[in-house]
Amino acid sequence: MLRIHFTPEDLGRTRVANAPDPLWESMLSLHRLRARDGTLVFGQWRARVRGGLATAQCRPELRMLLPLVPQRGYFPDFLTPADARSGWQAGIDALLHTPASRLRSELELLAGRQHLPSWAAGLADGDPDLLQRLAAALTAYYELAVAPFSGALQAHLDADRALRARSLLDGGAEGLLAGLRPMMRWQNPVLEVDYPTEQELHLDGRGLLLVPSFFCWRHPISLLDPTQPPVLVYPVEKDPAWFGGPAESTEQAVAALLGSTRAAVLATVGIGCTTGELARRLRISPASASQHTTVLRNAGLITSRRNGPVVLHTQTPLGARLLRP
């Protein structure tokens, strides 16, 4: 059990990440890649990634990741720096500048749980060449196993954020935390999280960042070091057809009816998406995104509501039924 202790100030500083954390998704996807469960959701993804790894020129470097990220249990906190919220390169830069004292303490902790190769001693000393090799291995893996599926990851995160936003509007920060059942239970002022080990985390006014994750599985995960910015990564509900399957023919039929771009707009809207987000995800101009949403709104397939400076679009029940396989 993980128990996260809140103060009133922490409640005001609790928020939900607006984009997948690329380093957390990379670490957790390595767990999923080597696991055997979750075949319905991850089976096709595993087959494609394993095929890519078998032919990748950087395969020797990729092996560097395996001893640092065991199939289950602890992996070093320095592999998921908070800076990655600003993007992949920001996270890699932070990793490259990890203090040697932190590298040493976290790798010693990992070594107490499993055997590490001889080069890990140099990494613990902050060897720049080994850090660069690790960064290259991480980047190669991310580009093969995570980046090609960023659209699906973002869509799942957006759907989860929309649900959390409703909980927040209905009940404030405590409503948001209470809405995370059954994997977590809010017992004011403590959030109890199903966890494989006993751990206490006192936020002490720093707030908590909730990070929805596609590759997180079964139970949430947090950092072991309580001095790092508090974060709780939790699994989102996953659509088994995200990698293709029955939904694919439905999408093709809707595209034939509406046109491919407009069908993509309808599918991307989901249960909450702004005009700007649509334009970025579909790589169309904001004017084009606005035009498509107007047509879909007039047809009764989406609704649009202004929220401050942005317009939030959501599917209507009719629009959702149209996409349902």
Protein backbone atom coordinates (compact mmCIF):
# COMPACT_ATOMS: atom_id res chain seq x y z
CA MET A 1 0.00 0.00 0.00
CA LEU A 2 1.22 3.50 -0.92
CA ARG A 3 -0.17 6.22 1.32
CA ILE A 4 0.06 9.78 0.03
CA HIS A 5 -0.46 12.42 2.71
CA PHE A 6 -2.06 15.72 1.64
CA THR A 7 -2.27 19.15 3.26
CA PRO A 8 -4.93 21.68 2.19
CA GLU A 9 -2.23 23.37 0.10
CA ASP A 10 -1.47 20.07 -1.65
CA LEU A 11 -5.11 19.70 -2.69
CA GLY A 12 -4.92 23.06 -4.45
CA ARG A 13 -1.75 22.00 -6.26
CA THR A 14 -2.93 18.60 -7.47
CA ARG A 15 -3.31 18.38 -11.26
CA VAL A 16 -3.53 15.91 -14.14
CA ALA A 17 -0.85 15.84 -16.86
CA ASN A 18 -2.04 17.01 -20.29
CA ALA A 19 0.26 14.79 -22.36
CA PRO A 20 1.84 11.34 -22.01
CA ASP A 21 5.21 11.41 -20.25
CA PRO A 22 7.54 9.91 -22.89
CA LEU A 23 10.10 8.49 -20.46
CA TRP A 24 7.51 6.95 -18.14
CA GLU A 25 5.77 5.41 -21.15
CA SER A 26 9.09 4.06 -22.40
CA MET A 27 10.00 2.45 -19.06
CA LEU A 28 6.55 0.97 -18.55
CA SER A 29 6.31 -0.24 -22.14
CA LEU A 30 9.51 -2.24 -21.54
CA HIS A 31 7.62 -4.02 -18.76
CA ARG A 32 4.71 -4.71 -21.10
CA LEU A 33 7.01 -5.87 -23.90
CA ARG A 34 8.46 -8.66 -21.77
CA ALA A 35 5.24 -9.62 -20.01
CA ARG A 36 2.83 -12.34 -21.12
CA ASP A 37 -0.43 -10.92 -19.82
CA GLY A 38 -2.57 -8.27 -21.48
CA THR A 39 -2.42 -10.02 -24.86
CA LEU A 40 -5.75 -8.63 -26.00
CA VAL A 41 -4.49 -5.06 -25.62
CA PHE A 42 -0.75 -5.40 -26.25
CA GLY A 43 -0.38 -8.55 -28.37
CA GLN A 44 -0.16 -6.90 -31.80
CA TRP A 45 1.99 -4.08 -30.43
CA ARG A 46 4.42 -6.59 -28.92
CA ALA A 47 4.71 -8.48 -32.20
CA ARG A 48 5.50 -5.33 -34.15
CA VAL A 49 8.01 -3.98 -31.63
CA ARG A 50 9.78 -7.31 -31.21
CA GLY A 51 10.04 -7.57 -34.98
CA GLY A 52 11.53 -4.09 -35.12
CA LEU A 53 14.01 -4.87 -32.35
CA ALA A 54 15.12 -8.02 -34.16
CA THR A 55 16.19 -6.01 -37.19
CA ALA A 56 17.29 -2.75 -35.53
CA GLN A 57 20.89 -1.74 -36.19
CA CYS A 58 21.08 -0.35 -32.65
CA ARG A 59 20.09 -3.68 -31.09
CA PRO A 60 23.35 -4.05 -29.06
CA GLU A 61 22.81 -0.66 -27.42
CA LEU A 62 19.18 -1.47 -26.71
CA ARG A 63 20.33 -4.39 -24.56
CA MET A 64 21.77 -1.79 -22.20
CA LEU A 65 18.24 -0.97 -21.04
CA LEU A 66 17.24 -4.45 -19.91
CA PRO A 67 19.30 -4.73 -16.70
CA LEU A 68 18.31 -1.18 -15.69
CA VAL A 69 14.59 -1.82 -16.21
CA PRO A 70 13.82 -5.31 -14.87
CA GLN A 71 10.65 -7.07 -15.95
CA ARG A 72 8.93 -6.08 -12.73
CA GLY A 73 9.67 -4.09 -9.63
CA TYR A 74 12.00 -1.18 -8.99
CA PHE A 75 13.89 0.72 -11.68
CA PRO A 76 16.00 3.84 -10.94
CA ASP A 77 14.10 7.10 -10.54
CA PHE A 78 16.69 9.01 -12.62
CA LEU A 79 15.31 7.26 -15.72
CA THR A 80 12.06 9.27 -15.42
CA PRO A 81 13.05 12.89 -14.64
CA ALA A 82 10.30 15.46 -14.18
CA ASP A 83 11.74 17.51 -17.08
CA ALA A 84 10.33 14.96 -19.55
CA ARG A 85 6.95 16.64 -19.12
CA SER A 86 8.35 19.30 -21.46
CA GLY A 87 9.20 16.72 -24.12
CA TRP A 88 11.58 13.89 -24.92
CA GLN A 89 14.73 15.96 -25.40
CA ALA A 90 14.21 17.88 -22.16
CA GLY A 91 13.94 14.57 -20.32
CA ILE A 92 17.07 13.17 -21.96
CA ASP A 93 19.03 16.35 -21.17
CA ALA A 94 17.99 16.05 -17.52
CA LEU A 95 19.06 12.40 -17.45
CA LEU A 96 22.47 13.29 -18.90
CA HIS A 97 22.99 15.83 -16.11
CA THR A 98 21.96 13.55 -13.23
CA PRO A 99 24.37 14.11 -10.31
CA ALA A 100 26.80 11.23 -9.80
CA SER A 101 25.73 10.93 -6.16
CA ARG A 102 22.16 10.19 -7.26
CA LEU A 103 23.28 7.77 -9.97
CA ARG A 104 25.36 5.90 -7.43
CA SER A 105 22.70 5.65 -4.73
CA GLU A 106 19.94 4.51 -7.10
CA LEU A 107 22.11 1.99 -8.94
CA GLU A 108 23.33 0.59 -5.61
CA LEU A 109 19.70 0.14 -4.63
CA LEU A 110 19.02 -1.68 -7.90
CA ALA A 111 22.14 -3.82 -7.46
CA GLY A 112 20.80 -4.94 -4.09
CA ARG A 113 17.81 -6.43 -5.88
CA GLN A 114 19.42 -7.99 -8.96
CA HIS A 115 22.78 -8.57 -10.63
CA LEU A 116 24.09 -5.66 -12.72
CA PRO A 117 26.70 -5.87 -15.51
CA SER A 118 30.22 -4.56 -14.91
CA TRP A 119 29.64 -1.35 -16.89
CA ALA A 120 27.06 -0.25 -14.32
CA ALA A 121 29.90 0.79 -12.00
CA GLY A 122 31.06 3.35 -14.56
CA LEU A 123 27.52 4.60 -15.02
CA ALA A 124 27.23 5.00 -11.24
CA ASP A 125 30.33 7.21 -11.35
CA GLY A 126 28.71 9.43 -13.96
CA ASP A 127 30.87 8.35 -16.92
CA PRO A 128 29.80 10.75 -19.72
CA ASP A 129 30.30 8.18 -22.48
CA LEU A 130 28.10 5.62 -20.72
CA LEU A 131 25.43 8.26 -20.08
CA GLN A 132 25.48 9.15 -23.78
CA ARG A 133 25.16 5.46 -24.71
CA LEU A 134 22.22 5.13 -22.33
CA ALA A 135 20.57 8.21 -23.83
CA ALA A 136 21.07 6.81 -27.35
CA ALA A 137 19.60 3.45 -26.33
CA LEU A 138 16.58 5.13 -24.74
CA THR A 139 16.01 7.29 -27.80
CA ALA A 140 16.29 4.34 -30.20
CA TYR A 141 13.80 2.35 -28.14
CA TYR A 142 11.38 5.26 -27.79
CA GLU A 143 11.38 5.91 -31.54
CA LEU A 144 10.65 2.25 -32.22
CA ALA A 145 8.21 1.29 -29.47
CA VAL A 146 6.43 4.45 -28.28
CA ALA A 147 6.66 7.41 -30.67
CA PRO A 148 4.87 5.71 -33.62
CA PHE A 149 1.82 5.22 -31.39
CA SER A 150 1.74 8.68 -29.79
CA GLY A 151 -1.64 9.49 -31.37
CA ALA A 152 -3.33 6.51 -29.73
CA LEU A 153 -1.63 7.25 -26.41
CA GLN A 154 -2.79 10.87 -26.50
CA ALA A 155 -6.35 9.86 -27.40
CA HIS A 156 -6.56 7.53 -24.39
CA LEU A 157 -5.09 10.20 -22.14
CA ASP A 158 -7.56 12.82 -23.42
CA ALA A 159 -10.50 10.54 -22.71
CA ASP A 160 -9.24 9.95 -19.18
CA ARG A 161 -8.61 13.68 -18.60
CA ALA A 162 -12.15 14.46 -19.65
CA LEU A 163 -13.45 12.05 -17.02
CA ARG A 164 -11.16 13.54 -14.37
CA ALA A 165 -12.27 17.05 -15.34
CA ARG A 166 -15.88 16.12 -14.69
CA SER A 167 -14.94 14.74 -11.27
CA LEU A 168 -13.06 17.95 -10.52
CA LEU A 169 -15.98 20.14 -11.58
CA ASP A 170 -18.45 18.10 -9.55
CA GLY A 171 -16.41 17.75 -6.36
CA GLY A 172 -13.24 19.84 -6.51
CA ALA A 173 -9.81 18.31 -5.83
CA GLU A 174 -11.28 15.84 -3.33
CA GLY A 175 -13.83 14.78 -5.94
CA LEU A 176 -10.99 14.24 -8.41
CA LEU A 177 -9.13 11.99 -5.96
CA ALA A 178 -12.29 10.16 -4.93
CA GLY A 179 -13.04 9.47 -8.61
CA LEU A 180 -9.87 7.39 -8.95
CA ARG A 181 -11.50 4.32 -7.41
CA PRO A 182 -11.10 1.35 -7.38
CA MET A 183 -7.29 1.52 -7.76
CA MET A 184 -7.07 4.33 -5.17
CA ARG A 185 -9.19 5.36 -2.20
CA TRP A 186 -9.43 8.89 -0.85
CA GLN A 187 -9.59 8.92 2.97
CA ASN A 188 -9.09 12.60 3.77
CA PRO A 189 -6.26 13.62 4.10
CA VAL A 190 -4.66 10.42 2.74
CA LEU A 191 -4.84 8.85 -0.71
CA GLU A 192 -4.43 5.07 -0.37
CA VAL A 193 -3.03 3.44 -3.50
CA ASP A 194 -2.93 -0.28 -4.29
CA TYR A 195 0.81 -0.93 -4.40
CA PRO A 196 3.14 -3.95 -4.25
CA THR A 197 5.18 -2.48 -1.35
CA GLU A 198 4.54 -0.42 1.78
CA GLN A 199 5.45 3.23 1.19
CA GLU A 200 4.57 6.62 2.70
CA LEU A 201 4.74 9.88 0.73
CA HIS A 202 4.26 13.24 2.46
CA LEU A 203 3.62 15.97 -0.11
CA ASP A 204 4.39 18.83 2.31
CA GLY A 205 2.79 21.51 0.13
CA ARG A 206 4.37 20.41 -3.15
CA GLY A 207 1.13 19.07 -4.63
CA LEU A 208 0.79 15.92 -6.72
CA LEU A 209 0.99 15.42 -10.47
CA LEU A 210 -1.30 12.63 -11.66
CA VAL A 211 0.01 11.13 -14.91
CA PRO A 212 -2.40 8.97 -16.93
CA SER A 213 -0.44 6.24 -18.69
CA PHE A 214 -1.29 3.82 -21.47
CA PHE A 215 1.47 1.32 -20.69
CA CYS A 216 0.94 1.37 -16.93
CA TRP A 217 -0.75 -1.91 -15.97
CA ARG A 218 -2.87 -3.09 -13.04
CA HIS A 219 -1.67 -0.66 -10.36
CA PRO A 220 -0.25 2.89 -10.24
CA ILE A 221 3.44 3.60 -9.80
CA SER A 222 5.41 6.39 -8.17
CA LEU A 223 9.00 7.38 -7.48
CA LEU A 224 10.80 5.78 -4.57
CA ASP A 225 12.78 8.93 -3.68
CA PRO A 226 10.46 11.20 -1.63
CA THR A 227 12.64 14.25 -2.31
CA GLN A 228 11.79 14.24 -6.04
CA PRO A 229 8.76 16.17 -7.41
CA PRO A 230 5.75 14.03 -6.36
CA VAL A 231 4.18 12.10 -9.21
CA LEU A 232 1.69 9.26 -9.43
CA VAL A 233 1.44 7.40 -12.75
CA TYR A 234 -1.78 5.43 -13.13
CA PRO A 235 -3.27 3.17 -15.85
CA VAL A 236 -5.98 4.51 -18.14
CA GLU A 237 -8.79 2.37 -19.52
CA LYS A 238 -7.58 0.81 -22.77
CA ASP A 239 -9.47 0.11 -25.99
CA PRO A 240 -8.47 -3.40 -27.17
CA ALA A 241 -8.94 -2.24 -30.79
CA TRP A 242 -6.39 0.60 -30.49
CA PHE A 243 -3.86 -1.25 -32.68
CA GLY A 244 -6.39 -2.19 -35.35
CA GLY A 245 -9.00 -4.91 -35.51
CA PRO A 246 -12.78 -4.64 -35.67
CA ALA A 247 -12.81 -0.87 -35.33
CA GLU A 248 -10.72 -0.47 -38.47
CA SER A 249 -13.53 -1.38 -40.89
CA THR A 250 -15.87 1.00 -39.06
CA GLU A 251 -13.39 3.83 -39.45
CA GLN A 252 -13.09 3.09 -43.14
CA ALA A 253 -16.87 3.16 -43.55
CA VAL A 254 -17.16 6.47 -41.68
CA ALA A 255 -14.33 7.91 -43.78
CA ALA A 256 -16.21 6.92 -46.94
CA LEU A 257 -19.30 8.67 -45.61
CA LEU A 258 -17.76 11.87 -44.24
CA GLY A 259 -14.40 12.07 -45.98
CA SER A 260 -11.15 10.95 -44.36
CA THR A 261 -10.24 14.25 -42.69
CA ARG A 262 -13.70 14.91 -41.27
CA ALA A 263 -13.95 11.31 -40.03
CA ALA A 264 -10.56 11.74 -38.34
CA VAL A 265 -11.80 14.95 -36.69
CA LEU A 266 -14.87 13.15 -35.34
CA ALA A 267 -12.78 10.24 -34.02
CA THR A 268 -10.16 12.54 -32.49
CA VAL A 269 -12.72 14.72 -30.70
CA GLY A 270 -13.73 11.81 -28.44
CA ILE A 271 -15.14 13.21 -25.21
CA GLY A 272 -13.11 16.40 -25.19
CA CYS A 273 -10.77 18.19 -27.59
CA THR A 274 -10.10 21.85 -28.46
CA THR A 275 -9.79 23.24 -31.98
CA GLY A 276 -6.07 23.80 -31.48
CA GLU A 277 -5.52 20.24 -30.25
CA LEU A 278 -7.37 18.89 -33.29
CA ALA A 279 -5.20 20.93 -35.63
CA ARG A 280 -1.97 19.72 -33.99
CA ARG A 281 -2.92 16.04 -33.84
CA LEU A 282 -4.23 15.85 -37.38
CA ARG A 283 -1.63 18.26 -38.79
CA ILE A 284 -4.19 20.53 -40.37
CA SER A 285 -4.60 24.29 -40.05
CA PRO A 286 -6.72 25.74 -37.21
CA ALA A 287 -9.03 27.22 -39.86
CA SER A 288 -9.56 23.80 -41.42
CA ALA A 289 -10.17 22.22 -38.01
CA SER A 290 -12.73 24.92 -37.22
CA GLN A 291 -14.49 24.38 -40.56
CA HIS A 292 -14.76 20.61 -40.03
CA THR A 293 -16.07 20.99 -36.47
CA THR A 294 -18.71 23.44 -37.70
CA VAL A 295 -20.00 20.91 -40.24
CA LEU A 296 -19.99 18.10 -37.67
CA ARG A 297 -21.76 20.31 -35.12
CA ASN A 298 -24.45 21.29 -37.62
CA ALA A 299 -24.97 17.57 -38.34
CA GLY A 300 -25.48 16.86 -34.65
CA LEU A 301 -22.35 14.68 -34.35
CA ILE A 302 -20.43 16.92 -31.93
CA THR A 303 -21.17 19.73 -29.52
CA SER A 304 -18.95 22.77 -28.92
CA ARG A 305 -18.63 24.84 -25.77
CA ARG A 306 -16.41 27.85 -25.13
CA ASN A 307 -14.14 27.45 -22.11
CA GLY A 308 -12.26 30.73 -21.63
CA PRO A 309 -10.08 31.37 -24.69
CA VAL A 310 -10.65 27.93 -26.25
CA VAL A 311 -13.59 25.96 -27.66
CA LEU A 312 -14.01 22.41 -26.35
CA HIS A 313 -15.62 19.89 -28.73
CA THR A 314 -17.15 16.57 -27.63
CA GLN A 315 -18.93 13.79 -29.49
CA THR A 316 -22.68 13.58 -29.16
CA PRO A 317 -24.24 10.14 -28.55
CA LEU A 318 -25.07 10.07 -32.26
CA GLY A 319 -21.45 10.80 -33.19
CA ALA A 320 -20.20 8.11 -30.80
CA ARG A 321 -22.66 5.54 -32.21
CA LEU A 322 -21.53 6.33 -35.73
CA LEU A 323 -17.96 5.30 -34.83
CA ARG A 324 -18.92 2.24 -32.83
CA PRO A 325 -18.02 -1.05 -34.53
